[in-house]
Structures are given as C-alpha cells and as structure tokens.
Amino acid sequence: MLVVRAINASDLDALYGLASQVGTGMTTLKPDMKMLGDRLAIACASFAETIAPEKRDYMFVMEDTDTGRLAGVCAIKGAVGLDEPFYNYRIGTLVHSSRELDVFTRMETLYLSNDLTGSTELCSLFLHPDYRSGNNGKLLSKSRFLFIAQFPHLFTEKLIAEMRGYQAPDGSSPFYEGLGRHFFKMDFHHVDDLTSLGKKSFIAELMPRQPMYVAYLPDEAQEVIGKVHLSTAPARRLLEQEGLHFEGYVDIFDAGPVLQARVSELRAMRDSMPAVLDAEAAPDVCSDLAQAEPYLVSNTDLKDFRMIVTSANPHSGKIALDDDELHLLRCHHGDTVRTLSLNPRKHPHV
C-alpha cells in the first residue's frame, strides 16, 4: 500500500536514490548528498515548526509500505526569493507603429524579472518510473493541495510551480542554446548544477536587463518557450486541474512555463471537507455512480502529515476507512480527517 507522508531524517539515503533518477532540469532535486542533507534538515524543522513559515520547505515522500521503498517525492516551499534572488522571464509585448508608413507591429519580448519573489512554490515532484501507474501520480502531486487546504495560514496568497522546460532527445535545451549560452558561455547542465546549489549571483551579473525580442532568437528556441519537458506534461495537467494556470512567466534557462494560482482559489480550498472517522458511516450513495469515486484522505497532524487514496467516500461529515487505511494515516475512529475527491467533479450547467 502507498502513503504520502512528511519526510523524516531517516529518509536521506532513499531520497538520494530518487534524486539520482531525476536527470537534468530539476534544480531543486539534485543527487548531491550535502545539499539533500541540508534540505532534509530544513524540512524536518519545517514540520516541527521550529523555523519561520516563510523559511519552511515541506518535503513529502510516497512510501510503499509493503517494501519500505520510497516511490516518490514532492515539496512546498513557504516563500521563494527572500534569501536568494528568484528570476524568471516575463513575456511582454512592445508595439512599433508608423502612421506615415502605415506599419503596425506587435513584438513579443522577454523581461528579466523578480516579480514572483515571496510566492509559495510547489516543487521537486518526482515519481519513480516503477510506480507510474494507476492513481499514484495524482496521489503524490495532489497531496500538497490537501496539506495547503488544511494549513492555509502557513502559505502566501500566491502559489507558483516552475515546470521543467522542453529538452531535445540528446538532453540539450533549444532555448538555452539559442539565448543563455551567449551570455553564460557554459554548458546547460553546468548552469543547471550551479543554480541547484544556490549559486545564482551570476544570473544578475551576466544577463542583460533590457527586454529582448523573441523574434531575434532561433526558430528552435522560439518554438519551445512555455513548452514543458515530455515527462512533465502529465504533472502540468494535474496542476491545471487544481486551479493553476500559465500567466506568461517562464524559466530563464529552459523557458519552461511557471504556473500560478491564488491559494484561495484552489480546488482543494473550495471542495475539500473535514470528516469524522466512523466505522458505521453510511456509504455515499448517488444516482450518478459518484459512490465509486476515489478520494484523497489525510490526517490533520502537521508534524506527522499522512495521506492516502481510498475508495471510501465521505457522507454527512463522516467516512468509514478499513483498519489498514487507519494504520496508514495513524488515525483512530473519532478522529477528524480532511477529504477531497481525487478528480475534479463536473459541475452541471445551470
């Protein structure tokens, strides 16, 4: 059985094993033991509430309880850009016109910006290839939204998620080769490694501050602006289901899209509900087969947050889970849990 839970200090070696599978382009999850160890310490302090909310980095792991193996990882950073610069390109528009020549042109531009500084960030989502089936990906990704819905006071109003940008089959980034290499004079993977280690001062030192015309870039670079890595496409769809959307910000190295949302407008904030664990709870019987719908269920313990997906449905503020599910959540009958349908419900047109 699978459970998504708060990471703990004993997970470091298994976390390194997961990070070793990720590949390039995810700067928040590199196979660097010191970096991962430091981040794990911050994560443990975050769940223990011994550091300020804006400095917290909540990391969650998906555990296969039958084998003890870690199947995946994901995280929520309380706020980005407060200790080190957080850069993105904002896609803008410049208009050039001449009434005398009857010429009017709109040109897309890239502005180097720190506009998203202070936002809460969803990051570090990775599911081991062995577990990419069924509802596992949804369970891992959407666990963070249930956590936010349970503890909204810990996060800022704006939520963002940087998506890994498109890479060619050989691992190169067409956008970086068309733009970044001219300024950084180094390989894409080297820049990726420096960024993952927090060495970002070179960005401000080397990147031009004036807007750059997209039309000046090679066609290969233009075509991938806002496009995600092939393996990231499912993750993007899941985030968009939960209320995030693209507003014209992209990563400065690979041009991957940055999705945004207001926390108050997330599906989990709107639709998740508390329920009391009750062995005698009546099943949720509906005429449209909604009773067969899978549900996310989490406990309400910040220090030991745990979440599962179940076929049990809440009804009248109660939900009945079997003994194995109770054990996974470390809950007992009478405890309160938070529930959310795994998939967005289709609201009928009025």
Protein backbone atom coordinates (compact mmCIF):
# COMPACT_ATOMS: atom_id res chain seq x y z
CA MET A 1 0.00 0.00 0.00
CA LEU A 2 1.11 3.56 -0.66
CA VAL A 3 1.08 6.51 1.72
CA VAL A 4 2.31 10.06 1.21
CA ARG A 5 3.87 11.32 4.42
CA ALA A 6 6.07 14.03 5.85
CA ILE A 7 9.73 13.25 5.24
CA ASN A 8 11.91 12.33 8.22
CA ALA A 9 15.62 12.25 9.00
CA SER A 10 15.96 8.54 8.18
CA ASP A 11 14.93 9.10 4.54
CA LEU A 12 18.19 10.68 3.33
CA ASP A 13 19.71 7.66 1.58
CA ALA A 14 16.45 6.76 -0.15
CA LEU A 15 15.95 10.42 -1.13
CA TYR A 16 19.40 10.42 -2.74
CA GLY A 17 18.39 7.31 -4.68
CA LEU A 18 15.31 9.08 -6.03
CA ALA A 19 17.29 12.22 -6.91
CA SER A 20 19.74 10.07 -8.86
CA GLN A 21 16.87 9.06 -11.17
CA VAL A 22 15.65 12.58 -11.96
CA GLY A 23 18.04 13.79 -14.69
CA THR A 24 18.71 17.39 -15.63
CA GLY A 25 16.37 20.34 -15.45
CA MET A 26 15.01 19.97 -11.90
CA THR A 27 17.28 22.22 -9.88
CA THR A 28 15.54 21.51 -6.55
CA LEU A 29 16.29 17.78 -6.57
CA LYS A 30 19.92 17.02 -7.40
CA PRO A 31 21.87 13.90 -6.32
CA ASP A 32 24.13 15.89 -4.01
CA MET A 33 24.27 14.36 -0.54
CA LYS A 34 25.20 17.58 1.27
CA MET A 35 22.54 19.63 -0.50
CA LEU A 36 19.89 16.97 0.15
CA GLY A 37 21.00 16.61 3.76
CA ASP A 38 20.73 20.34 4.34
CA ARG A 39 17.35 20.44 2.70
CA LEU A 40 16.12 17.46 4.71
CA ALA A 41 17.14 19.22 7.93
CA ILE A 42 15.12 22.27 6.90
CA ALA A 43 12.15 20.04 6.02
CA CYS A 44 12.23 18.36 9.43
CA ALA A 45 12.44 21.77 11.12
CA SER A 46 9.51 22.92 8.98
CA PHE A 47 7.19 20.15 10.15
CA ALA A 48 8.41 20.69 13.73
CA GLU A 49 7.59 24.41 13.37
CA THR A 50 10.99 25.48 14.69
CA ILE A 51 11.66 27.93 11.84
CA ALA A 52 9.60 30.82 10.45
CA PRO A 53 6.85 29.87 7.94
CA GLU A 54 8.46 31.79 5.07
CA LYS A 55 11.70 29.80 5.50
CA ARG A 56 10.00 26.42 5.54
CA ASP A 57 10.39 23.70 2.94
CA TYR A 58 7.82 20.96 3.44
CA MET A 59 9.02 17.77 1.75
CA PHE A 60 6.76 14.75 1.34
CA VAL A 61 7.64 11.23 0.25
CA MET A 62 5.47 8.45 -1.12
CA GLU A 63 6.29 5.21 0.70
CA ASP A 64 5.47 1.70 -0.43
CA THR A 65 4.63 0.26 2.98
CA ASP A 66 4.88 -3.32 1.73
CA THR A 67 8.60 -2.90 0.94
CA GLY A 68 9.61 0.27 2.78
CA ARG A 69 10.77 1.71 -0.54
CA LEU A 70 10.34 5.39 -1.39
CA ALA A 71 8.35 5.68 -4.61
CA GLY A 72 8.30 9.44 -4.99
CA VAL A 73 8.89 12.88 -3.53
CA CYS A 74 7.32 16.34 -3.72
CA ALA A 75 7.58 19.59 -1.79
CA ILE A 76 6.15 23.01 -0.93
CA LYS A 77 8.46 25.95 -0.22
CA GLY A 78 6.92 28.56 2.05
CA ALA A 79 8.28 31.52 0.06
CA VAL A 80 10.88 31.92 -2.69
CA GLY A 81 13.40 34.65 -3.33
CA LEU A 82 13.72 36.00 0.20
CA ASP A 83 17.25 34.71 0.84
CA GLU A 84 18.50 34.46 -2.75
CA PRO A 85 17.21 36.07 -5.96
CA PHE A 86 14.37 34.34 -7.79
CA TYR A 87 14.47 35.11 -11.51
CA ASN A 88 12.04 34.50 -14.35
CA TYR A 89 11.39 35.91 -17.77
CA ARG A 90 8.10 37.73 -18.13
CA ILE A 91 6.75 37.58 -21.65
CA GLY A 92 5.71 41.07 -22.69
CA THR A 93 4.69 42.97 -25.79
CA LEU A 94 6.18 46.05 -27.45
CA VAL A 95 4.28 47.84 -30.19
CA HIS A 96 6.01 49.69 -33.03
CA SER A 97 3.94 51.79 -35.38
CA SER A 98 4.31 54.43 -38.07
CA ARG A 99 1.23 56.26 -39.29
CA GLU A 100 3.19 57.70 -42.18
CA LEU A 101 4.22 54.26 -43.45
CA ASP A 102 1.02 52.58 -42.27
CA VAL A 103 3.02 49.98 -40.32
CA PHE A 104 1.89 48.47 -37.02
CA THR A 105 3.79 45.60 -35.42
CA ARG A 106 3.48 43.75 -32.11
CA MET A 107 6.69 42.16 -30.88
CA GLU A 108 6.95 39.62 -28.06
CA THR A 109 9.71 40.38 -25.57
CA LEU A 110 11.40 38.71 -22.61
CA TYR A 111 11.92 40.78 -19.47
CA LEU A 112 14.19 39.52 -16.69
CA SER A 113 12.07 39.88 -13.55
CA ASN A 114 11.82 39.14 -9.85
CA ASP A 115 8.02 39.57 -9.92
CA LEU A 116 7.30 36.22 -8.24
CA THR A 117 9.51 36.84 -5.20
CA GLY A 118 7.75 35.86 -1.99
CA SER A 119 5.39 33.33 -3.58
CA THR A 120 4.80 29.86 -2.16
CA GLU A 121 6.23 27.28 -4.55
CA LEU A 122 5.23 23.73 -5.44
CA CYS A 123 8.42 21.92 -6.43
CA SER A 124 10.51 18.74 -6.54
CA LEU A 125 7.76 16.45 -7.84
CA PHE A 126 9.25 13.13 -8.94
CA LEU A 127 7.66 9.68 -9.14
CA HIS A 128 9.90 6.67 -9.69
CA PRO A 129 9.25 5.03 -13.09
CA ASP A 130 8.36 1.75 -11.37
CA TYR A 131 5.32 3.43 -9.82
CA ARG A 132 3.99 5.43 -12.74
CA SER A 133 0.64 3.71 -12.98
CA GLY A 134 -2.91 4.00 -11.72
CA ASN A 135 -3.59 6.93 -9.41
CA ASN A 136 -0.07 7.11 -7.97
CA GLY A 137 0.92 10.30 -9.77
CA LYS A 138 -2.27 12.05 -8.74
CA LEU A 139 -1.86 10.93 -5.13
CA LEU A 140 1.67 12.30 -4.97
CA SER A 141 1.02 15.63 -6.69
CA LYS A 142 -2.33 16.41 -5.10
CA SER A 143 -1.21 15.58 -1.56
CA ARG A 144 0.29 19.08 -1.43
CA PHE A 145 -3.05 20.74 -2.11
CA LEU A 146 -4.73 18.88 0.73
CA PHE A 147 -1.87 19.96 3.01
CA ILE A 148 -2.32 23.59 1.95
CA ALA A 149 -6.09 23.34 2.48
CA GLN A 150 -5.53 22.00 6.00
CA PHE A 151 -2.92 24.63 6.91
CA PRO A 152 -3.59 27.66 4.65
CA HIS A 153 -2.27 30.13 7.23
CA LEU A 154 1.27 28.82 6.62
CA PHE A 155 1.40 29.97 3.00
CA THR A 156 1.31 33.16 0.95
CA GLU A 157 -1.65 34.07 -1.21
CA LYS A 158 0.21 33.41 -4.48
CA LEU A 159 1.18 29.85 -5.36
CA ILE A 160 3.57 29.04 -8.23
CA ALA A 161 5.08 25.97 -9.85
CA GLU A 162 8.06 26.07 -12.23
CA MET A 163 7.67 23.39 -14.86
CA ARG A 164 10.72 21.71 -16.37
CA GLY A 165 11.22 23.09 -19.88
CA TYR A 166 11.48 21.21 -23.14
CA GLN A 167 14.67 19.30 -23.85
CA ALA A 168 15.78 17.68 -27.10
CA PRO A 169 16.28 13.89 -27.16
CA ASP A 170 20.00 14.40 -26.50
CA GLY A 171 19.22 16.34 -23.29
CA SER A 172 20.06 19.78 -24.65
CA SER A 173 17.80 22.81 -24.23
CA PRO A 174 16.97 24.59 -27.51
CA PHE A 175 16.08 27.75 -25.60
CA TYR A 176 19.32 27.79 -23.66
CA GLU A 177 21.38 27.13 -26.78
CA GLY A 178 19.57 29.98 -28.56
CA LEU A 179 19.88 32.54 -25.76
CA GLY A 180 21.56 31.61 -22.48
CA ARG A 181 24.76 30.19 -23.90
CA HIS A 182 25.60 33.56 -25.49
CA PHE A 183 25.71 35.16 -22.03
CA PHE A 184 26.89 32.37 -19.74
CA LYS A 185 29.47 30.71 -22.00
CA MET A 186 28.98 27.33 -20.32
CA ASP A 187 27.10 24.09 -20.83
CA PHE A 188 23.40 23.93 -19.92
CA HIS A 189 24.00 21.15 -17.39
CA HIS A 190 26.73 23.19 -15.67
CA VAL A 191 24.40 26.17 -15.30
CA ASP A 192 21.70 23.79 -14.03
CA ASP A 193 24.07 22.44 -11.37
CA LEU A 194 25.15 25.92 -10.23
CA THR A 195 21.54 27.01 -9.86
CA SER A 196 20.64 23.91 -7.85
CA LEU A 197 23.43 24.75 -5.39
CA GLY A 198 22.05 28.25 -4.86
CA LYS A 199 24.80 29.99 -6.80
CA LYS A 200 22.60 32.47 -8.63
CA SER A 201 24.54 35.74 -8.43
CA PHE A 202 25.94 35.09 -11.90
CA ILE A 203 22.44 35.47 -13.35
CA ALA A 204 22.21 39.14 -12.41
CA GLU A 205 25.85 39.68 -13.31
CA LEU A 206 25.65 38.22 -16.81
CA MET A 207 22.08 38.55 -18.06
CA PRO A 208 21.02 41.75 -19.86
CA ARG A 209 18.47 43.88 -18.04
CA GLN A 210 16.87 45.33 -21.13
CA PRO A 211 13.99 43.44 -22.82
CA MET A 212 14.96 41.00 -25.55
CA TYR A 213 12.94 40.49 -28.71
CA VAL A 214 11.73 36.91 -29.08
CA ALA A 215 11.86 37.25 -32.88
CA TYR A 216 15.66 37.59 -32.69
CA LEU A 217 16.00 34.07 -31.27
CA PRO A 218 16.50 31.00 -33.48
CA ASP A 219 13.25 29.32 -34.51
CA GLU A 220 14.11 26.28 -32.36
CA ALA A 221 14.32 28.49 -29.28
CA GLN A 222 11.14 30.42 -30.05
CA GLU A 223 9.12 27.24 -30.51
CA VAL A 224 9.81 25.89 -27.00
CA ILE A 225 9.01 29.00 -24.94
CA GLY A 226 6.40 27.88 -22.42
CA LYS A 227 6.67 24.25 -23.52
CA VAL A 228 7.24 21.53 -20.91
CA HIS A 229 9.59 18.56 -20.85
CA LEU A 230 7.91 15.44 -22.26
CA SER A 231 7.90 13.71 -18.86
CA THR A 232 6.49 16.86 -17.20
CA ALA A 233 3.34 17.12 -19.31
CA PRO A 234 1.21 14.89 -17.00
CA ALA A 235 2.31 16.94 -13.97
CA ARG A 236 1.26 20.14 -15.70
CA ARG A 237 -2.21 18.75 -16.45
CA LEU A 238 -2.67 17.76 -12.80
CA LEU A 239 -1.72 21.22 -11.57
CA GLU A 240 -4.08 22.86 -14.03
CA GLN A 241 -6.90 20.63 -12.77
CA GLU A 242 -6.28 22.03 -9.30
CA GLY A 243 -6.51 25.67 -10.37
CA LEU A 244 -3.05 26.72 -11.57
CA HIS A 245 -2.58 28.39 -14.94
CA PHE A 246 0.06 29.96 -17.16
CA GLU A 247 0.34 33.75 -16.95
CA GLY A 248 3.32 34.47 -19.17
CA TYR A 249 6.30 33.74 -16.92
CA VAL A 250 8.98 31.24 -17.97
CA ASP A 251 12.24 29.87 -16.63
CA ILE A 252 15.29 31.86 -17.72
CA PHE A 253 17.32 28.79 -18.72
CA ASP A 254 14.95 26.34 -20.44
CA ALA A 255 11.83 28.57 -20.86
CA GLY A 256 9.62 26.09 -19.01
CA PRO A 257 6.27 27.66 -18.00
CA VAL A 258 5.63 28.96 -14.49
CA LEU A 259 2.07 28.13 -13.42
CA GLN A 260 0.31 30.36 -10.90
CA ALA A 261 -2.77 30.44 -8.71
CA ARG A 262 -4.24 32.29 -5.77
CA VAL A 263 -4.32 29.88 -2.84
CA SER A 264 -7.87 30.93 -2.02
CA GLU A 265 -9.00 29.81 -5.49
CA LEU A 266 -7.54 26.29 -5.42
CA ARG A 267 -9.96 23.40 -5.85
CA ALA A 268 -8.78 21.94 -2.55
CA MET A 269 -9.68 25.15 -0.72
CA ARG A 270 -13.12 25.12 -2.29
CA ASP A 271 -14.02 21.43 -2.27
CA SER A 272 -12.07 19.65 0.48
CA MET A 273 -14.07 18.89 3.61
CA PRO A 274 -13.37 17.60 7.11
CA ALA A 275 -14.90 14.26 8.02
CA VAL A 276 -15.03 12.20 11.20
CA LEU A 277 -13.75 8.62 11.06
CA ASP A 278 -16.71 6.39 11.85
CA ALA A 279 -16.87 2.63 11.23
CA GLU A 280 -20.64 2.88 10.96
CA ALA A 281 -20.64 5.72 8.42
CA ALA A 282 -23.16 5.15 5.64
CA PRO A 283 -21.77 4.91 2.10
CA ASP A 284 -22.24 7.94 -0.13
CA VAL A 285 -24.97 6.66 -2.43
CA CYS A 286 -25.56 8.77 -5.53
CA SER A 287 -27.51 8.11 -8.68
CA ASP A 288 -24.56 9.12 -10.90
CA LEU A 289 -22.11 6.46 -9.60
CA ALA A 290 -20.16 9.07 -7.64
CA GLN A 291 -20.01 6.49 -4.84
CA ALA A 292 -17.25 4.69 -6.77
CA GLU A 293 -15.12 7.84 -6.97
CA PRO A 294 -11.65 7.64 -5.38
CA TYR A 295 -10.98 10.11 -2.58
CA LEU A 296 -7.89 11.63 -1.04
CA VAL A 297 -7.90 11.42 2.73
CA SER A 298 -5.33 12.98 5.05
CA ASN A 299 -4.87 13.27 8.75
CA THR A 300 -4.73 16.75 10.28
CA ASP A 301 -1.38 16.41 12.04
CA LEU A 302 1.20 18.93 10.80
CA LYS A 303 4.15 17.14 12.40
CA ASP A 304 3.19 13.73 11.02
CA PHE A 305 1.11 14.54 7.97
CA ARG A 306 -0.03 11.43 6.08
CA MET A 307 -2.36 10.93 3.13
CA ILE A 308 -3.84 8.04 1.14
CA VAL A 309 -6.25 7.45 -1.71
CA THR A 310 -9.29 5.34 -0.89
CA SER A 311 -12.47 4.04 -2.48
CA ALA A 312 -14.39 5.07 0.64
CA ASN A 313 -16.49 8.21 0.19
CA PRO A 314 -17.49 10.73 2.88
CA HIS A 315 -21.16 11.06 3.71
CA SER A 316 -22.83 13.55 6.07
CA GLY A 317 -19.50 14.59 7.52
CA LYS A 318 -18.36 11.02 8.23
CA ILE A 319 -16.19 8.44 6.46
CA ALA A 320 -15.51 4.76 7.11
CA LEU A 321 -11.97 3.50 6.50
CA ASP A 322 -10.71 -0.04 6.98
CA ASP A 323 -8.08 -0.95 9.58
CA ASP A 324 -5.19 -0.85 7.09
CA GLU A 325 -6.14 2.65 5.98
CA LEU A 326 -6.45 3.84 9.56
CA HIS A 327 -2.98 2.44 10.25
CA LEU A 328 -1.50 4.25 7.24
CA LEU A 329 -2.97 7.55 8.46
CA ARG A 330 -2.10 6.80 12.11
CA CYS A 331 -5.67 7.67 12.99
CA HIS A 332 -8.44 6.14 15.09
CA HIS A 333 -12.22 6.15 14.96
CA GLY A 334 -13.48 9.52 16.14
CA ASP A 335 -10.52 11.45 14.68
CA THR A 336 -11.12 14.13 12.08
CA VAL A 337 -9.57 13.81 8.62
CA ARG A 338 -9.67 16.01 5.51
CA THR A 339 -11.16 14.62 2.29
CA LEU A 340 -11.11 15.65 -1.36
CA SER A 341 -12.27 13.85 -4.48
CA LEU A 342 -9.22 12.68 -6.41
CA ASN A 343 -10.60 14.05 -9.67
CA PRO A 344 -12.42 17.37 -10.15
CA ARG A 345 -16.15 16.92 -10.19
CA LYS A 346 -18.01 18.09 -13.26
CA HIS A 347 -20.47 20.73 -12.26
CA PRO A 348 -23.67 20.65 -14.30
CA HIS A 349 -24.50 23.71 -16.35
CA VAL A 350 -27.29 25.76 -14.88
